[in-house]
N, C-alpha and C. Protein backbone atom coordinates (compact mmCIF):
# COMPACT_ATOMS: atom_id res chain seq x y z
N UNK A 1 56.58 -15.01 179.35
CA UNK A 1 56.48 -15.80 180.54
C UNK A 1 57.49 -16.94 180.35
N UNK A 2 57.85 -17.24 179.16
CA UNK A 2 58.97 -18.35 179.00
C UNK A 2 58.54 -19.68 179.36
N UNK A 3 59.22 -20.47 180.14
CA UNK A 3 59.00 -21.86 180.18
C UNK A 3 57.61 -22.13 180.93
N UNK A 4 57.34 -21.16 181.81
CA UNK A 4 56.08 -21.27 182.60
C UNK A 4 54.92 -21.32 181.72
N UNK A 5 54.89 -20.48 180.57
CA UNK A 5 53.77 -20.46 179.62
C UNK A 5 53.74 -21.90 179.01
N UNK A 6 54.74 -22.31 178.63
CA UNK A 6 54.71 -23.63 177.85
C UNK A 6 54.15 -24.69 178.78
N UNK A 7 54.42 -24.65 179.97
CA UNK A 7 54.00 -25.65 180.85
C UNK A 7 52.50 -25.49 181.16
N UNK A 8 52.03 -24.28 181.33
CA UNK A 8 50.73 -23.99 181.62
C UNK A 8 49.64 -24.36 180.43
N UNK A 9 50.30 -24.57 179.30
CA UNK A 9 49.48 -25.00 178.08
C UNK A 9 48.52 -26.25 178.51
N UNK A 10 49.17 -27.17 179.18
CA UNK A 10 48.34 -28.41 179.38
C UNK A 10 47.60 -28.48 180.84
N UNK A 11 47.54 -27.22 181.42
CA UNK A 11 47.01 -27.25 182.76
C UNK A 11 45.62 -26.89 182.69
N UNK A 12 44.70 -27.61 183.49
CA UNK A 12 43.21 -27.17 183.67
C UNK A 12 43.28 -25.61 184.13
N UNK A 13 42.44 -24.87 183.39
CA UNK A 13 42.19 -23.47 183.97
C UNK A 13 43.27 -22.59 183.42
N UNK A 14 44.05 -23.20 182.37
CA UNK A 14 45.13 -22.35 181.89
C UNK A 14 44.82 -21.07 181.40
N UNK A 15 43.82 -20.85 180.61
CA UNK A 15 43.31 -19.56 180.16
C UNK A 15 43.17 -18.45 181.27
N UNK A 16 42.48 -18.85 182.36
CA UNK A 16 42.31 -17.98 183.52
C UNK A 16 43.69 -17.51 183.92
N UNK A 17 44.55 -18.49 184.31
CA UNK A 17 45.82 -18.40 184.82
C UNK A 17 46.74 -17.56 184.10
N UNK A 18 46.87 -17.80 182.87
CA UNK A 18 47.71 -16.94 181.95
C UNK A 18 47.19 -15.62 181.88
N UNK A 19 45.92 -15.35 181.70
CA UNK A 19 45.35 -14.02 181.71
C UNK A 19 45.76 -13.23 183.02
N UNK A 20 45.57 -13.94 184.15
CA UNK A 20 45.85 -13.35 185.55
C UNK A 20 47.33 -13.02 185.63
N UNK A 21 48.20 -13.76 185.07
CA UNK A 21 49.69 -13.75 185.21
C UNK A 21 50.14 -12.48 184.39
N UNK A 22 49.51 -12.41 183.10
CA UNK A 22 49.80 -11.38 182.27
C UNK A 22 49.36 -10.01 182.68
N UNK A 23 48.32 -10.15 183.59
CA UNK A 23 47.72 -8.78 184.08
C UNK A 23 48.49 -8.28 185.24
N UNK A 24 49.53 -8.99 185.82
CA UNK A 24 50.26 -8.43 186.99
C UNK A 24 51.26 -7.28 186.55
N UNK A 25 51.14 -6.15 187.10
CA UNK A 25 51.73 -5.05 186.67
C UNK A 25 53.25 -5.31 186.76
N UNK A 26 54.25 -4.75 185.90
CA UNK A 26 55.63 -4.88 185.91
C UNK A 26 56.03 -4.07 187.10
N UNK A 27 57.06 -4.55 187.96
CA UNK A 27 57.54 -3.96 189.10
C UNK A 27 58.89 -4.33 189.28
N UNK A 28 59.59 -3.72 190.12
CA UNK A 28 61.08 -3.99 190.56
C UNK A 28 61.09 -4.52 191.99
N UNK A 29 61.15 -5.88 192.15
CA UNK A 29 60.94 -6.48 193.41
C UNK A 29 61.98 -6.09 194.47
N UNK A 30 63.05 -5.41 194.11
CA UNK A 30 63.97 -4.96 195.01
C UNK A 30 63.80 -3.58 195.49
N UNK A 31 62.75 -2.87 194.98
CA UNK A 31 62.31 -1.48 195.31
C UNK A 31 60.88 -1.32 195.69
N UNK A 32 60.08 -2.30 195.35
CA UNK A 32 58.52 -2.15 195.56
C UNK A 32 57.94 -3.53 195.57
N UNK A 33 56.76 -3.65 196.13
CA UNK A 33 55.98 -4.90 196.06
C UNK A 33 54.50 -4.64 195.60
N UNK A 34 53.98 -5.74 195.19
CA UNK A 34 52.55 -5.67 194.64
C UNK A 34 51.66 -6.52 195.57
N UNK A 35 50.29 -6.29 195.51
CA UNK A 35 49.46 -7.05 196.22
C UNK A 35 49.53 -8.64 196.00
N UNK A 36 49.64 -9.31 197.12
CA UNK A 36 49.70 -10.77 197.04
C UNK A 36 48.43 -11.33 196.45
N UNK A 37 48.54 -12.19 195.52
CA UNK A 37 47.29 -12.87 194.85
C UNK A 37 47.17 -14.21 195.34
N UNK A 38 46.36 -14.61 196.42
CA UNK A 38 46.18 -15.87 196.80
C UNK A 38 45.43 -16.85 195.75
N UNK A 39 44.69 -16.16 195.04
CA UNK A 39 43.96 -17.00 194.09
C UNK A 39 44.91 -17.51 192.96
N UNK A 40 45.98 -16.85 192.69
CA UNK A 40 47.09 -17.39 191.64
C UNK A 40 47.87 -18.35 192.40
N UNK A 41 48.38 -17.90 193.60
CA UNK A 41 49.20 -18.76 194.52
C UNK A 41 48.71 -20.18 194.71
N UNK A 42 47.43 -20.32 195.07
CA UNK A 42 46.69 -21.60 195.29
C UNK A 42 46.71 -22.46 194.06
N UNK A 43 46.60 -21.73 192.91
CA UNK A 43 46.50 -22.57 191.73
C UNK A 43 47.94 -23.17 191.30
N UNK A 44 48.91 -22.47 191.66
CA UNK A 44 50.26 -22.89 191.20
C UNK A 44 51.10 -23.76 192.38
N UNK A 45 51.08 -23.37 193.58
CA UNK A 45 51.82 -23.87 194.60
C UNK A 45 51.08 -24.99 195.26
N UNK A 46 51.75 -26.16 195.41
CA UNK A 46 51.38 -27.35 196.11
C UNK A 46 51.77 -27.11 197.68
N UNK A 47 53.07 -26.89 197.83
CA UNK A 47 53.60 -26.67 199.11
C UNK A 47 54.94 -25.88 198.95
N UNK A 48 55.36 -25.44 200.13
CA UNK A 48 56.71 -24.78 200.19
C UNK A 48 57.40 -25.04 201.37
N UNK A 49 58.82 -25.15 201.32
CA UNK A 49 59.55 -25.36 202.48
C UNK A 49 60.58 -24.06 202.69
N UNK A 50 60.51 -23.49 203.75
CA UNK A 50 61.43 -22.21 204.01
C UNK A 50 62.54 -22.48 204.86
N UNK A 51 63.65 -22.00 204.47
CA UNK A 51 64.94 -22.16 205.16
C UNK A 51 65.32 -20.86 205.75
N UNK A 52 66.24 -21.13 207.01
CA UNK A 52 66.58 -20.03 207.78
C UNK A 52 67.34 -18.79 207.05
N UNK A 53 67.93 -19.25 205.87
CA UNK A 53 68.66 -18.26 205.03
C UNK A 53 67.68 -17.46 204.09
N UNK A 54 66.34 -17.69 204.17
CA UNK A 54 65.39 -16.93 203.33
C UNK A 54 65.06 -17.68 202.07
N UNK A 55 65.66 -18.79 201.79
CA UNK A 55 65.45 -19.61 200.47
C UNK A 55 64.22 -20.43 200.80
N UNK A 56 63.17 -20.33 199.82
CA UNK A 56 61.98 -21.19 199.82
C UNK A 56 62.04 -22.09 198.55
N UNK A 57 61.86 -23.32 198.81
CA UNK A 57 61.67 -24.33 197.68
C UNK A 57 60.18 -24.57 197.71
N UNK A 58 59.52 -24.21 196.51
CA UNK A 58 58.22 -24.58 196.26
C UNK A 58 57.92 -25.85 195.34
N UNK A 59 56.97 -26.78 195.79
CA UNK A 59 56.61 -27.81 194.96
C UNK A 59 55.43 -27.24 194.12
N UNK A 60 55.58 -27.07 192.92
CA UNK A 60 54.64 -26.51 192.02
C UNK A 60 53.59 -27.62 191.70
N UNK A 61 52.30 -27.31 191.58
CA UNK A 61 51.41 -28.18 191.07
C UNK A 61 51.71 -28.84 189.59
N UNK A 62 52.54 -28.22 189.02
CA UNK A 62 52.95 -28.58 187.66
C UNK A 62 53.93 -29.79 187.87
N UNK A 63 54.24 -30.23 189.04
CA UNK A 63 55.08 -31.33 189.05
C UNK A 63 56.68 -31.18 189.12
N UNK A 64 56.97 -29.75 189.27
CA UNK A 64 58.36 -29.39 189.37
C UNK A 64 58.71 -28.52 190.53
N UNK A 65 59.84 -28.52 191.05
CA UNK A 65 60.28 -27.68 192.22
C UNK A 65 60.78 -26.36 191.74
N UNK A 66 60.62 -25.36 192.45
CA UNK A 66 61.08 -23.98 192.06
C UNK A 66 61.71 -23.36 193.34
N UNK A 67 62.78 -22.81 193.37
CA UNK A 67 63.55 -22.19 194.36
C UNK A 67 63.49 -20.69 194.30
N UNK A 68 63.05 -20.04 195.39
CA UNK A 68 62.90 -18.54 195.48
C UNK A 68 63.95 -18.15 196.48
N UNK A 69 64.77 -17.16 195.96
CA UNK A 69 65.93 -16.79 196.83
C UNK A 69 65.61 -15.21 197.17
N UNK A 70 66.43 -14.65 198.21
CA UNK A 70 66.35 -13.12 198.27
C UNK A 70 65.15 -12.83 199.39
N UNK A 71 64.55 -13.88 199.97
CA UNK A 71 63.47 -13.62 200.91
C UNK A 71 63.97 -13.00 202.22
N UNK A 72 65.22 -12.94 202.38
CA UNK A 72 65.93 -12.49 203.68
C UNK A 72 65.89 -11.09 203.60
N UNK A 73 65.63 -10.35 202.57
CA UNK A 73 65.68 -8.94 202.35
C UNK A 73 64.51 -8.15 202.99
N UNK A 74 63.58 -8.90 203.45
CA UNK A 74 62.54 -8.21 204.30
C UNK A 74 61.67 -7.41 203.27
N UNK A 75 61.31 -8.03 202.20
CA UNK A 75 60.48 -7.29 201.17
C UNK A 75 59.13 -6.76 201.61
N UNK A 76 58.74 -7.24 202.78
CA UNK A 76 57.41 -6.72 203.37
C UNK A 76 57.54 -5.25 203.78
N UNK A 77 58.80 -4.57 204.01
CA UNK A 77 58.99 -3.35 204.34
C UNK A 77 59.22 -2.46 203.21
N UNK A 78 59.16 -2.91 201.84
CA UNK A 78 59.08 -2.18 200.82
C UNK A 78 57.67 -1.58 200.61
N UNK A 79 57.73 -0.36 199.96
CA UNK A 79 56.40 0.33 199.65
C UNK A 79 55.80 -0.36 198.58
N UNK A 80 54.30 -0.32 198.60
CA UNK A 80 53.45 -1.14 197.61
C UNK A 80 53.54 -0.14 196.26
N UNK A 81 53.54 -0.87 195.19
CA UNK A 81 53.47 -0.16 193.99
C UNK A 81 52.17 0.58 193.76
N UNK A 82 52.27 1.94 193.41
CA UNK A 82 51.07 2.57 193.18
C UNK A 82 50.35 2.12 191.83
N UNK A 83 49.10 2.18 191.89
CA UNK A 83 48.25 1.68 190.69
C UNK A 83 48.04 3.04 189.78
N UNK A 84 47.81 2.64 188.57
CA UNK A 84 47.52 3.75 187.63
C UNK A 84 46.19 4.44 188.08
N UNK A 85 46.24 5.76 188.03
CA UNK A 85 44.97 6.54 188.33
C UNK A 85 44.06 6.68 186.98
């Protein structure tokens, strides 16, 4: 998880959040998508600003901004990743 793991060490509820983040299945976001996790999202994101070019700047509850790009690719049209049977 890199820098995110280091920052989460001082965050309330860190054990729950780290466990949940580690449980997310590996996937290729250019070819598939996974179920949205509002429980994780609400613990990390304070607010977000979306731009016409698909860029989103999130203000994280950790006190730092994070920019997401590539949202103009219409990821919602991708197939959901199939879970293990």
